Each structure stands twice: as C-alpha cells, then as structure tokens.
PDB file of N, CA and C in Angstrom:
ATOM      1  N   MET A   1      38.843  -9.229-142.929  1.00  0.00           N
ATOM      2  CA  MET A   1      39.690  -8.098-142.532  1.00  0.00           C
ATOM      3  C   MET A   1      39.074  -7.184-141.480  1.00  0.00           C
ATOM      4  N   LYS A   2      37.759  -6.926-141.727  1.00  0.00           N
ATOM      5  CA  LYS A   2      37.079  -6.097-140.677  1.00  0.00           C
ATOM      6  C   LYS A   2      36.970  -6.818-139.308  1.00  0.00           C
ATOM      7  N   ARG A   3      36.810  -8.139-139.375  1.00  0.00           N
ATOM      8  CA  ARG A   3      36.744  -9.010-138.133  1.00  0.00           C
ATOM      9  C   ARG A   3      38.089  -8.869-137.426  1.00  0.00           C
ATOM     10  N   SER A   4      39.205  -8.997-138.165  1.00  0.00           N
ATOM     11  CA  SER A   4      40.520  -8.960-137.576  1.00  0.00           C
ATOM     12  C   SER A   4      40.780  -7.563-136.926  1.00  0.00           C
ATOM     13  N   LEU A   5      40.417  -6.457-137.632  1.00  0.00           N
ATOM     14  CA  LEU A   5      40.568  -5.148-137.088  1.00  0.00           C
ATOM     15  C   LEU A   5      39.731  -4.924-135.909  1.00  0.00           C
ATOM     16  N   LEU A   6      38.435  -5.465-135.927  1.00  0.00           N
ATOM     17  CA  LEU A   6      37.622  -5.346-134.745  1.00  0.00           C
ATOM     18  C   LEU A   6      38.135  -6.104-133.552  1.00  0.00           C
ATOM     19  N   GLY A   7      38.656  -7.276-133.782  1.00  0.00           N
ATOM     20  CA  GLY A   7      39.306  -8.138-132.786  1.00  0.00           C
ATOM     21  C   GLY A   7      40.500  -7.413-132.130  1.00  0.00           C
ATOM     22  N   ILE A   8      41.350  -6.844-132.984  1.00  0.00           N
ATOM     23  CA  ILE A   8      42.495  -6.146-132.474  1.00  0.00           C
ATOM     24  C   ILE A   8      42.099  -4.887-131.624  1.00  0.00           C
ATOM     25  N   LEU A   9      41.083  -4.216-132.087  1.00  0.00           N
ATOM     26  CA  LEU A   9      40.583  -2.985-131.343  1.00  0.00           C
ATOM     27  C   LEU A   9      39.959  -3.442-130.006  1.00  0.00           C
ATOM     28  N   LEU A  10      39.224  -4.503-129.971  1.00  0.00           N
ATOM     29  CA  LEU A  10      38.648  -5.013-128.726  1.00  0.00           C
ATOM     30  C   LEU A  10      39.766  -5.473-127.753  1.00  0.00           C
ATOM     31  N   PHE A  11      40.734  -6.105-128.333  1.00  0.00           N
ATOM     32  CA  PHE A  11      41.873  -6.627-127.465  1.00  0.00           C
ATOM     33  C   PHE A  11      42.523  -5.403-126.886  1.00  0.00           C
ATOM     34  N   TRP A  12      42.844  -4.396-127.725  1.00  0.00           N
ATOM     35  CA  TRP A  12      43.544  -3.205-127.286  1.00  0.00           C
ATOM     36  C   TRP A  12      42.767  -2.502-126.192  1.00  0.00           C
ATOM     37  N   TRP A  13      41.429  -2.344-126.354  1.00  0.00           N
ATOM     38  CA  TRP A  13      40.524  -1.689-125.407  1.00  0.00           C
ATOM     39  C   TRP A  13      40.571  -2.396-124.077  1.00  0.00           C
ATOM     40  N   ALA A  14      40.377  -3.776-124.092  1.00  0.00           N
ATOM     41  CA  ALA A  14      40.396  -4.621-122.878  1.00  0.00           C
ATOM     42  C   ALA A  14      41.689  -4.495-122.134  1.00  0.00           C
ATOM     43  N   THR A  15      42.814  -4.493-122.839  1.00  0.00           N
ATOM     44  CA  THR A  15      44.102  -4.490-122.136  1.00  0.00           C
ATOM     45  C   THR A  15      44.414  -3.081-121.579  1.00  0.00           C
ATOM     46  N   SER A  16      43.931  -2.064-122.224  1.00  0.00           N
ATOM     47  CA  SER A  16      44.098  -0.744-121.742  1.00  0.00           C
ATOM     48  C   SER A  16      43.296  -0.541-120.511  1.00  0.00           C
ATOM     49  N   LEU A  17      42.195  -1.096-120.407  1.00  0.00           N
ATOM     50  CA  LEU A  17      41.307  -1.018-119.169  1.00  0.00           C
ATOM     51  C   LEU A  17      42.066  -1.719-117.990  1.00  0.00           C
ATOM     52  N   LEU A  18      42.671  -2.834-118.256  1.00  0.00           N
ATOM     53  CA  LEU A  18      43.361  -3.612-117.268  1.00  0.00           C
ATOM     54  C   LEU A  18      44.631  -2.936-116.826  1.00  0.00           C
ATOM     55  N   ALA A  19      45.286  -2.237-117.671  1.00  0.00           N
ATOM     56  CA  ALA A  19      46.533  -1.550-117.376  1.00  0.00           C
ATOM     57  C   ALA A  19      46.452  -0.281-116.713  1.00  0.00           C
ATOM     58  N   GLN A  20      45.227   0.214-116.496  1.00  0.00           N
ATOM     59  CA  GLN A  20      45.102   1.535-115.729  1.00  0.00           C
ATOM     60  C   GLN A  20      45.639   1.341-114.333  1.00  0.00           C
ATOM     61  N   THR A  21      46.190   2.426-113.891  1.00  0.00           N
ATOM     62  CA  THR A  21      46.804   2.405-112.478  1.00  0.00           C
ATOM     63  C   THR A  21      45.710   2.415-111.457  1.00  0.00           C
ATOM     64  N   SER A  22      45.980   1.789-110.262  1.00  0.00           N
ATOM     65  CA  SER A  22      44.993   1.755-109.206  1.00  0.00           C
ATOM     66  C   SER A  22      44.840   3.163-108.671  1.00  0.00           C
ATOM     67  N   PRO A  23      43.723   3.392-107.902  1.00  0.00           N
ATOM     68  CA  PRO A  23      43.454   4.763-107.344  1.00  0.00           C
ATOM     69  C   PRO A  23      44.488   5.118-106.358  1.00  0.00           C
ATOM     70  N   HIS A  24      44.670   6.352-106.138  1.00  0.00           N
ATOM     71  CA  HIS A  24      45.674   6.786-105.179  1.00  0.00           C
ATOM     72  C   HIS A  24      45.324   6.391-103.725  1.00  0.00           C
ATOM     73  N   SER A  25      46.282   5.962-103.022  1.00  0.00           N
ATOM     74  CA  SER A  25      45.964   5.560-101.601  1.00  0.00           C
ATOM     75  C   SER A  25      47.201   6.026-100.794  1.00  0.00           C
ATOM     76  N   PHE A  26      46.932   6.866 -99.793  1.00  0.00           N
ATOM     77  CA  PHE A  26      48.019   7.294 -98.970  1.00  0.00           C
ATOM     78  C   PHE A  26      48.363   6.244 -97.883  1.00  0.00           C
ATOM     79  N   VAL A  27      49.606   5.887 -97.697  1.00  0.00           N
ATOM     80  CA  VAL A  27      50.099   4.975 -96.704  1.00  0.00           C
ATOM     81  C   VAL A  27      51.033   5.760 -95.781  1.00  0.00           C
ATOM     82  N   PRO A  28      50.674   5.863 -94.550  1.00  0.00           N
ATOM     83  CA  PRO A  28      51.476   6.666 -93.600  1.00  0.00           C
ATOM     84  C   PRO A  28      52.863   5.958 -93.402  1.00  0.00           C
ATOM     85  N   ARG A  29      53.849   6.783 -93.236  1.00  0.00           N
ATOM     86  CA  ARG A  29      55.230   6.343 -93.073  1.00  0.00           C
ATOM     87  C   ARG A  29      55.360   5.244 -91.965  1.00  0.00           C
ATOM     88  N   ASP A  30      54.702   5.489 -90.824  1.00  0.00           N
ATOM     89  CA  ASP A  30      54.743   4.591 -89.653  1.00  0.00           C
ATOM     90  C   ASP A  30      53.624   3.567 -89.684  1.00  0.00           C
ATOM     91  N   GLY A  31      52.976   3.364 -90.845  1.00  0.00           N
ATOM     92  CA  GLY A  31      51.828   2.414 -90.938  1.00  0.00           C
ATOM     93  C   GLY A  31      50.552   3.028 -90.442  1.00  0.00           C
ATOM     94  N   PHE A  32      49.438   2.282 -90.571  1.00  0.00           N
ATOM     95  CA  PHE A  32      48.160   2.724 -90.146  1.00  0.00           C
ATOM     96  C   PHE A  32      47.992   2.609 -88.710  1.00  0.00           C
ATOM     97  N   VAL A  33      48.899   1.921 -87.991  1.00  0.00           N
ATOM     98  CA  VAL A  33      48.784   1.740 -86.547  1.00  0.00           C
ATOM     99  C   VAL A  33      50.160   2.211 -86.006  1.00  0.00           C
ATOM    100  N   PRO A  34      50.397   3.549 -85.932  1.00  0.00           N
ATOM    101  CA  PRO A  34      51.695   4.022 -85.633  1.00  0.00           C
ATOM    102  C   PRO A  34      52.082   4.081 -84.149  1.00  0.00           C
ATOM    103  N   THR A  35      51.063   3.974 -83.293  1.00  0.00           N
ATOM    104  CA  THR A  35      51.284   4.168 -81.829  1.00  0.00           C
ATOM    105  C   THR A  35      50.658   3.014 -81.042  1.00  0.00           C
ATOM    106  N   ALA A  36      51.125   2.875 -79.811  1.00  0.00           N
ATOM    107  CA  ALA A  36      50.561   1.927 -78.854  1.00  0.00           C
ATOM    108  C   ALA A  36      49.055   2.272 -78.591  1.00  0.00           C
ATOM    109  N   ASP A  37      48.778   3.577 -78.439  1.00  0.00           N
ATOM    110  CA  ASP A  37      47.418   3.978 -78.162  1.00  0.00           C
ATOM    111  C   ASP A  37      46.456   3.583 -79.262  1.00  0.00           C
ATOM    112  N   VAL A  38      46.868   3.689 -80.531  1.00  0.00           N
ATOM    113  CA  VAL A  38      46.022   3.288 -81.642  1.00  0.00           C
ATOM    114  C   VAL A  38      45.827   1.762 -81.655  1.00  0.00           C
ATOM    115  N   ALA A  39      46.939   0.970 -81.365  1.00  0.00           N
ATOM    116  CA  ALA A  39      46.814  -0.414 -81.302  1.00  0.00           C
ATOM    117  C   ALA A  39      45.873  -0.858 -80.199  1.00  0.00           C
ATOM    118  N   ILE A  40      45.915  -0.248 -79.050  1.00  0.00           N
ATOM    119  CA  ILE A  40      45.026  -0.559 -77.931  1.00  0.00           C
ATOM    120  C   ILE A  40      43.539  -0.290 -78.246  1.00  0.00           C
ATOM    121  N   ARG A  41      43.308   0.820 -78.919  1.00  0.00           N
ATOM    122  CA  ARG A  41      41.909   1.156 -79.259  1.00  0.00           C
ATOM    123  C   ARG A  41      41.376   0.152 -80.276  1.00  0.00           C
ATOM    124  N   ILE A  42      42.165  -0.352 -81.237  1.00  0.00           N
ATOM    125  CA  ILE A  42      41.770  -1.343 -82.179  1.00  0.00           C
ATOM    126  C   ILE A  42      41.543  -2.662 -81.465  1.00  0.00           C
ATOM    127  N   ALA A  43      42.409  -2.996 -80.588  1.00  0.00           N
ATOM    128  CA  ALA A  43      42.313  -4.326 -79.859  1.00  0.00           C
ATOM    129  C   ALA A  43      40.978  -4.300 -79.043  1.00  0.00           C
ATOM    130  N   VAL A  44      40.748  -3.198 -78.326  1.00  0.00           N
ATOM    131  CA  VAL A  44      39.508  -3.146 -77.481  1.00  0.00           C
ATOM    132  C   VAL A  44      38.197  -3.205 -78.360  1.00  0.00           C
ATOM    133  N   ALA A  45      38.268  -2.614 -79.575  1.00  0.00           N
ATOM    134  CA  ALA A  45      37.073  -2.628 -80.442  1.00  0.00           C
ATOM    135  C   ALA A  45      36.889  -4.067 -80.968  1.00  0.00           C
ATOM    136  N   VAL A  46      37.939  -4.863 -81.058  1.00  0.00           N
ATOM    137  CA  VAL A  46      37.828  -6.188 -81.487  1.00  0.00           C
ATOM    138  C   VAL A  46      37.348  -7.131 -80.408  1.00  0.00           C
ATOM    139  N   TRP A  47      37.956  -6.914 -79.195  1.00  0.00           N
ATOM    140  CA  TRP A  47      37.669  -7.739 -78.024  1.00  0.00           C
ATOM    141  C   TRP A  47      36.300  -7.618 -77.492  1.00  0.00           C
ATOM    142  N   GLU A  48      35.777  -6.379 -77.352  1.00  0.00           N
ATOM    143  CA  GLU A  48      34.473  -6.196 -76.690  1.00  0.00           C
ATOM    144  C   GLU A  48      33.305  -7.022 -77.270  1.00  0.00           C
ATOM    145  N   PRO A  49      33.153  -7.119 -78.610  1.00  0.00           N
ATOM    146  CA  PRO A  49      32.038  -7.946 -79.069  1.00  0.00           C
ATOM    147  C   PRO A  49      32.263  -9.433 -78.871  1.00  0.00           C
ATOM    148  N   ILE A  50      33.525  -9.816 -78.642  1.00  0.00           N
ATOM    149  CA  ILE A  50      33.827 -11.235 -78.441  1.00  0.00           C
ATOM    150  C   ILE A  50      33.691 -11.615 -76.950  1.00  0.00           C
ATOM    151  N   TYR A  51      34.379 -10.847 -76.143  1.00  0.00           N
ATOM    152  CA  TYR A  51      34.490 -11.199 -74.719  1.00  0.00           C
ATOM    153  C   TYR A  51      33.581 -10.399 -73.768  1.00  0.00           C
ATOM    154  N   GLY A  52      32.917  -9.363 -74.328  1.00  0.00           N
ATOM    155  CA  GLY A  52      32.045  -8.507 -73.516  1.00  0.00           C
ATOM    156  C   GLY A  52      32.751  -7.247 -73.007  1.00  0.00           C
ATOM    157  N   GLU A  53      31.969  -6.150 -72.995  1.00  0.00           N
ATOM    158  CA  GLU A  53      32.605  -4.872 -72.564  1.00  0.00           C
ATOM    159  C   GLU A  53      33.075  -4.918 -71.076  1.00  0.00           C
ATOM    160  N   GLN A  54      32.204  -5.490 -70.204  1.00  0.00           N
ATOM    161  CA  GLN A  54      32.616  -5.533 -68.810  1.00  0.00           C
ATOM    162  C   GLN A  54      33.864  -6.319 -68.548  1.00  0.00           C
ATOM    163  N   ASN A  55      33.949  -7.459 -69.158  1.00  0.00           N
ATOM    164  CA  ASN A  55      35.126  -8.335 -68.984  1.00  0.00           C
ATOM    165  C   ASN A  55      36.444  -7.617 -69.453  1.00  0.00           C
ATOM    166  N   ILE A  56      36.330  -6.974 -70.637  1.00  0.00           N
ATOM    167  CA  ILE A  56      37.457  -6.219 -71.149  1.00  0.00           C
ATOM    168  C   ILE A  56      37.782  -5.033 -70.258  1.00  0.00           C
ATOM    169  N   ALA A  57      36.804  -4.296 -69.801  1.00  0.00           N
ATOM    170  CA  ALA A  57      37.034  -3.143 -68.865  1.00  0.00           C
ATOM    171  C   ALA A  57      37.821  -3.543 -67.622  1.00  0.00           C
ATOM    172  N   ARG A  58      37.563  -4.729 -67.141  1.00  0.00           N
ATOM    173  CA  ARG A  58      38.199  -5.182 -65.943  1.00  0.00           C
ATOM    174  C   ARG A  58      39.731  -5.528 -66.164  1.00  0.00           C
ATOM    175  N   GLN A  59      40.103  -5.545 -67.415  1.00  0.00           N
ATOM    176  CA  GLN A  59      41.473  -5.853 -67.686  1.00  0.00           C
ATOM    177  C   GLN A  59      42.431  -4.721 -67.958  1.00  0.00           C
ATOM    178  N   LYS A  60      41.843  -3.531 -67.583  1.00  0.00           N
ATOM    179  CA  LYS A  60      42.651  -2.293 -67.752  1.00  0.00           C
ATOM    180  C   LYS A  60      43.789  -2.299 -66.690  1.00  0.00           C
ATOM    181  N   PRO A  61      44.955  -1.752 -66.798  1.00  0.00           N
ATOM    182  CA  PRO A  61      45.403  -1.093 -68.074  1.00  0.00           C
ATOM    183  C   PRO A  61      45.909  -2.044 -69.068  1.00  0.00           C
ATOM    184  N   PHE A  62      45.762  -1.583 -70.328  1.00  0.00           N
ATOM    185  CA  PHE A  62      46.254  -2.464 -71.431  1.00  0.00           C
ATOM    186  C   PHE A  62      47.714  -2.097 -71.767  1.00  0.00           C
ATOM    187  N   ASN A  63      48.390  -3.108 -72.298  1.00  0.00           N
ATOM    188  CA  ASN A  63      49.732  -2.916 -72.604  1.00  0.00           C
ATOM    189  C   ASN A  63      49.916  -3.240 -74.147  1.00  0.00           C
ATOM    190  N   ALA A  64      50.775  -2.431 -74.844  1.00  0.00           N
ATOM    191  CA  ALA A  64      51.052  -2.701 -76.205  1.00  0.00           C
ATOM    192  C   ALA A  64      52.512  -2.578 -76.477  1.00  0.00           C
ATOM    193  N   THR A  65      53.135  -3.542 -77.145  1.00  0.00           N
ATOM    194  CA  THR A  65      54.535  -3.522 -77.504  1.00  0.00           C
ATOM    195  C   THR A  65      54.640  -3.885 -78.987  1.00  0.00           C
ATOM    196  N   LEU A  66      55.594  -3.170 -79.623  1.00  0.00           N
ATOM    197  CA  LEU A  66      55.769  -3.384 -81.081  1.00  0.00           C
ATOM    198  C   LEU A  66      57.058  -4.170 -81.295  1.00  0.00           C
ATOM    199  N   THR A  67      56.967  -5.289 -82.017  1.00  0.00           N
ATOM    200  CA  THR A  67      58.112  -6.070 -82.359  1.00  0.00           C
ATOM    201  C   THR A  67      57.970  -6.604 -83.820  1.00  0.00           C
ATOM    202  N   ASN A  68      58.993  -6.182 -84.596  1.00  0.00           N
ATOM    203  CA  ASN A  68      59.031  -6.605 -85.997  1.00  0.00           C
ATOM    204  C   ASN A  68      57.715  -6.228 -86.750  1.00  0.00           C
ATOM    205  N   GLY A  69      57.210  -5.054 -86.517  1.00  0.00           N
ATOM    206  CA  GLY A  69      56.021  -4.609 -87.216  1.00  0.00           C
ATOM    207  C   GLY A  69      54.690  -5.155 -86.771  1.00  0.00           C
ATOM    208  N   VAL A  70      54.701  -5.812 -85.572  1.00  0.00           N
ATOM    209  CA  VAL A  70      53.450  -6.365 -85.024  1.00  0.00           C
ATOM    210  C   VAL A  70      53.250  -5.900 -83.655  1.00  0.00           C
ATOM    211  N   TRP A  71      52.086  -5.253 -83.386  1.00  0.00           N
ATOM    212  CA  TRP A  71      51.727  -4.859 -82.106  1.00  0.00           C
ATOM    213  C   TRP A  71      51.124  -6.079 -81.321  1.00  0.00           C
ATOM    214  N   LEU A  72      51.709  -6.300 -80.094  1.00  0.00           N
ATOM    215  CA  LEU A  72      51.130  -7.263 -79.187  1.00  0.00           C
ATOM    216  C   LEU A  72      50.396  -6.506 -78.119  1.00  0.00           C
ATOM    217  N   VAL A  73      49.083  -6.614 -78.045  1.00  0.00           N
ATOM    218  CA  VAL A  73      48.288  -5.913 -77.110  1.00  0.00           C
ATOM    219  C   VAL A  73      47.705  -6.907 -76.130  1.00  0.00           C
ATOM    220  N   GLN A  74      47.833  -6.601 -74.849  1.00  0.00           N
ATOM    221  CA  GLN A  74      47.381  -7.439 -73.785  1.00  0.00           C
ATOM    222  C   GLN A  74      46.634  -6.647 -72.631  1.00  0.00           C
ATOM    223  N   GLY A  75      45.704  -7.351 -72.080  1.00  0.00           N
ATOM    224  CA  GLY A  75      45.133  -6.798 -70.897  1.00  0.00           C
ATOM    225  C   GLY A  75      45.989  -7.109 -69.653  1.00  0.00           C
ATOM    226  N   SER A  76      45.566  -6.595 -68.489  1.00  0.00           N
ATOM    227  CA  SER A  76      46.293  -7.011 -67.288  1.00  0.00           C
ATOM    228  C   SER A  76      45.362  -7.359 -66.188  1.00  0.00           C
ATOM    229  N   LEU A  77      45.871  -8.037 -65.122  1.00  0.00           N
ATOM    230  CA  LEU A  77      45.114  -8.406 -63.995  1.00  0.00           C
ATOM    231  C   LEU A  77      45.692  -7.748 -62.782  1.00  0.00           C
ATOM    232  N   PRO A  78      44.819  -7.488 -61.744  1.00  0.00           N
ATOM    233  CA  PRO A  78      45.356  -6.932 -60.499  1.00  0.00           C
ATOM    234  C   PRO A  78      46.423  -7.896 -59.874  1.00  0.00           C
ATOM    235  N   GLN A  79      47.390  -7.331 -59.218  1.00  0.00           N
ATOM    236  CA  GLN A  79      48.426  -8.129 -58.648  1.00  0.00           C
ATOM    237  C   GLN A  79      47.867  -9.213 -57.803  1.00  0.00           C
ATOM    238  N   GLY A  80      48.359 -10.424 -57.865  1.00  0.00           N
ATOM    239  CA  GLY A  80      47.879 -11.533 -57.059  1.00  0.00           C
ATOM    240  C   GLY A  80      46.680 -12.274 -57.566  1.00  0.00           C
ATOM    241  N   TRP A  81      46.034 -11.788 -58.619  1.00  0.00           N
ATOM    242  CA  TRP A  81      44.933 -12.520 -59.200  1.00  0.00           C
ATOM    243  C   TRP A  81      45.404 -13.525 -60.224  1.00  0.00           C
ATOM    244  N   ALA A  82      44.671 -14.641 -60.219  1.00  0.00           N
ATOM    245  CA  ALA A  82      45.027 -15.710 -61.206  1.00  0.00           C
ATOM    246  C   ALA A  82      43.992 -15.574 -62.321  1.00  0.00           C
ATOM    247  N   GLY A  83      44.430 -15.985 -63.491  1.00  0.00           N
ATOM    248  CA  GLY A  83      43.518 -15.965 -64.616  1.00  0.00           C
ATOM    249  C   GLY A  83      44.269 -15.473 -65.839  1.00  0.00           C
ATOM    250  N   GLY A  84      43.580 -15.277 -66.886  1.00  0.00           N
ATOM    251  CA  GLY A  84      44.164 -14.824 -68.198  1.00  0.00           C
ATOM    252  C   GLY A  84      43.550 -13.540 -68.689  1.00  0.00           C
ATOM    253  N   THR A  85      44.223 -12.964 -69.669  1.00  0.00           N
ATOM    254  CA  THR A  85      43.700 -11.774 -70.288  1.00  0.00           C
ATOM    255  C   THR A  85      43.594 -11.819 -71.752  1.00  0.00           C
ATOM    256  N   ALA A  86      42.867 -10.866 -72.297  1.00  0.00           N
ATOM    257  CA  ALA A  86      42.778 -10.835 -73.807  1.00  0.00           C
ATOM    258  C   ALA A  86      44.069 -10.484 -74.403  1.00  0.00           C
ATOM    259  N   LEU A  87      44.288 -10.931 -75.595  1.00  0.00           N
ATOM    260  CA  LEU A  87      45.535 -10.756 -76.329  1.00  0.00           C
ATOM    261  C   LEU A  87      45.143 -10.458 -77.806  1.00  0.00           C
ATOM    262  N   ALA A  88      45.814  -9.527 -78.412  1.00  0.00           N
ATOM    263  CA  ALA A  88      45.601  -9.314 -79.906  1.00  0.00           C
ATOM    264  C   ALA A  88      46.945  -8.973 -80.516  1.00  0.00           C
ATOM    265  N   GLU A  89      47.182  -9.506 -81.699  1.00  0.00           N
ATOM    266  CA  GLU A  89      48.321  -9.122 -82.543  1.00  0.00           C
ATOM    267  C   GLU A  89      47.780  -8.441 -83.735  1.00  0.00           C
ATOM    268  N   ILE A  90      48.345  -7.200 -84.016  1.00  0.00           N
ATOM    269  CA  ILE A  90      47.851  -6.329 -85.069  1.00  0.00           C
ATOM    270  C   ILE A  90      49.057  -5.804 -85.860  1.00  0.00           C
ATOM    271  N   SER A  91      48.903  -5.893 -87.190  1.00  0.00           N
ATOM    272  CA  SER A  91      49.847  -5.375 -88.117  1.00  0.00           C
ATOM    273  C   SER A  91      49.991  -3.894 -88.044  1.00  0.00           C
ATOM    274  N   GLN A  92      51.252  -3.427 -87.769  1.00  0.00           N
ATOM    275  CA  GLN A  92      51.444  -1.974 -87.747  1.00  0.00           C
ATOM    276  C   GLN A  92      51.272  -1.337 -89.144  1.00  0.00           C
ATOM    277  N   LYS A  93      51.679  -2.034 -90.169  1.00  0.00           N
ATOM    278  CA  LYS A  93      51.624  -1.536 -91.556  1.00  0.00           C
ATOM    279  C   LYS A  93      50.170  -1.275 -92.003  1.00  0.00           C
ATOM    280  N   ASP A  94      49.210  -2.253 -91.778  1.00  0.00           N
ATOM    281  CA  ASP A  94      47.945  -2.130 -92.393  1.00  0.00           C
ATOM    282  C   ASP A  94      46.758  -2.402 -91.439  1.00  0.00           C
ATOM    283  N   GLY A  95      47.041  -2.621 -90.191  1.00  0.00           N
ATOM    284  CA  GLY A  95      46.063  -2.728 -89.237  1.00  0.00           C
ATOM    285  C   GLY A  95      45.251  -4.132 -89.182  1.00  0.00           C
ATOM    286  N   ARG A  96      45.772  -5.004 -89.995  1.00  0.00           N
ATOM    287  CA  ARG A  96      45.209  -6.393 -89.984  1.00  0.00           C
ATOM    288  C   ARG A  96      45.256  -7.060 -88.554  1.00  0.00           C
ATOM    289  N   ILE A  97      44.231  -7.702 -88.231  1.00  0.00           N
ATOM    290  CA  ILE A  97      44.171  -8.455 -86.925  1.00  0.00           C
ATOM    291  C   ILE A  97      44.762  -9.844 -87.263  1.00  0.00           C
ATOM    292  N   LEU A  98      45.944 -10.058 -86.695  1.00  0.00           N
ATOM    293  CA  LEU A  98      46.688 -11.365 -87.013  1.00  0.00           C
ATOM    294  C   LEU A  98      46.318 -12.465 -86.076  1.00  0.00           C
ATOM    295  N   ARG A  99      45.919 -12.133 -84.812  1.00  0.00           N
ATOM    296  CA  ARG A  99      45.551 -13.152 -83.823  1.00  0.00           C
ATOM    297  C   ARG A  99      44.805 -12.502 -82.712  1.00  0.00           C
ATOM    298  N   VAL A 100      43.757 -13.240 -82.255  1.00  0.00           N
ATOM    299  CA  VAL A 100      43.013 -12.795 -81.042  1.00  0.00           C
ATOM    300  C   VAL A 100      42.898 -14.029 -80.172  1.00  0.00           C
ATOM    301  N   SER A 101      43.080 -13.825 -78.886  1.00  0.00           N
ATOM    302  CA  SER A 101      43.031 -14.990 -77.996  1.00  0.00           C
ATOM    303  C   SER A 101      42.725 -14.385 -76.601  1.00  0.00           C
ATOM    304  N   HIS A 102      42.393 -15.331 -75.665  1.00  0.00           N
ATOM    305  CA  HIS A 102      42.139 -14.952 -74.269  1.00  0.00           C
ATOM    306  C   HIS A 102      42.695 -16.085 -73.368  1.00  0.00           C
ATOM    307  N   GLY A 103      43.611 -15.752 -72.493  1.00  0.00           N
ATOM    308  CA  GLY A 103      44.182 -16.785 -71.574  1.00  0.00           C
ATOM    309  C   GLY A 103      43.148 -17.170 -70.524  1.00  0.00           C
ATOM    310  N   LYS A 104      43.470 -18.235 -69.898  1.00  0.00           N
ATOM    311  CA  LYS A 104      42.560 -18.753 -68.821  1.00  0.00           C
ATOM    312  C   LYS A 104      43.226 -18.663 -67.459  1.00  0.00           C
TER     313      LYS A 104
END
C-alpha cells in the first residue's frame, strides 16, 4: 500500500513538473526582423565571416525585399560589372537564416 501511494505521488510530482508553462517570451507583432534595415544587418553579420569583410563591403548598397514572411537580402554590383553577389534568406518571424549563397 505504501509503495502504491509512493508511486502515485512520484508520478503526480513528475507530471506536474512537465506540465509547467514555459517561461514568458515576448514576440514582436512584426516578427524579430521587422524591417529591411534589420534584415540587411543580419545578412551582413552572416556573410562577413564566410566571404570576407572587404568582399561584402564592395557589394553595397544592399537590397532587402519581404515576400511571404521571408526577407531576401542581396548585394549589388556597379553597373556594367559581371559577377555575382551575396544572397541571404531570413525568416521575418524568428530571424532564422534559411539560405546563404553567393553568385558567380
């Protein structure tokens, strides 16, 4: 009888720990990446360690467009130049990096 009661109490204690609500977390209405400026800053922070600061700096100005909750951020080349630029896709909602690439 004591074992059964102890088992029930342990089960109740374990399930009550698991049932506790998660800690409060504020989620902005427009997501964690609400503007093109924020998306660009995130993309540059990701690109620089991969492609080098000087290479990324040469690709200014950067462009960011929002489509279906995903920011597409790209570098640019001077008019008439051939080559590719850095590209990043970033989730507006949570800031996840969905894709990073560099054209040739």
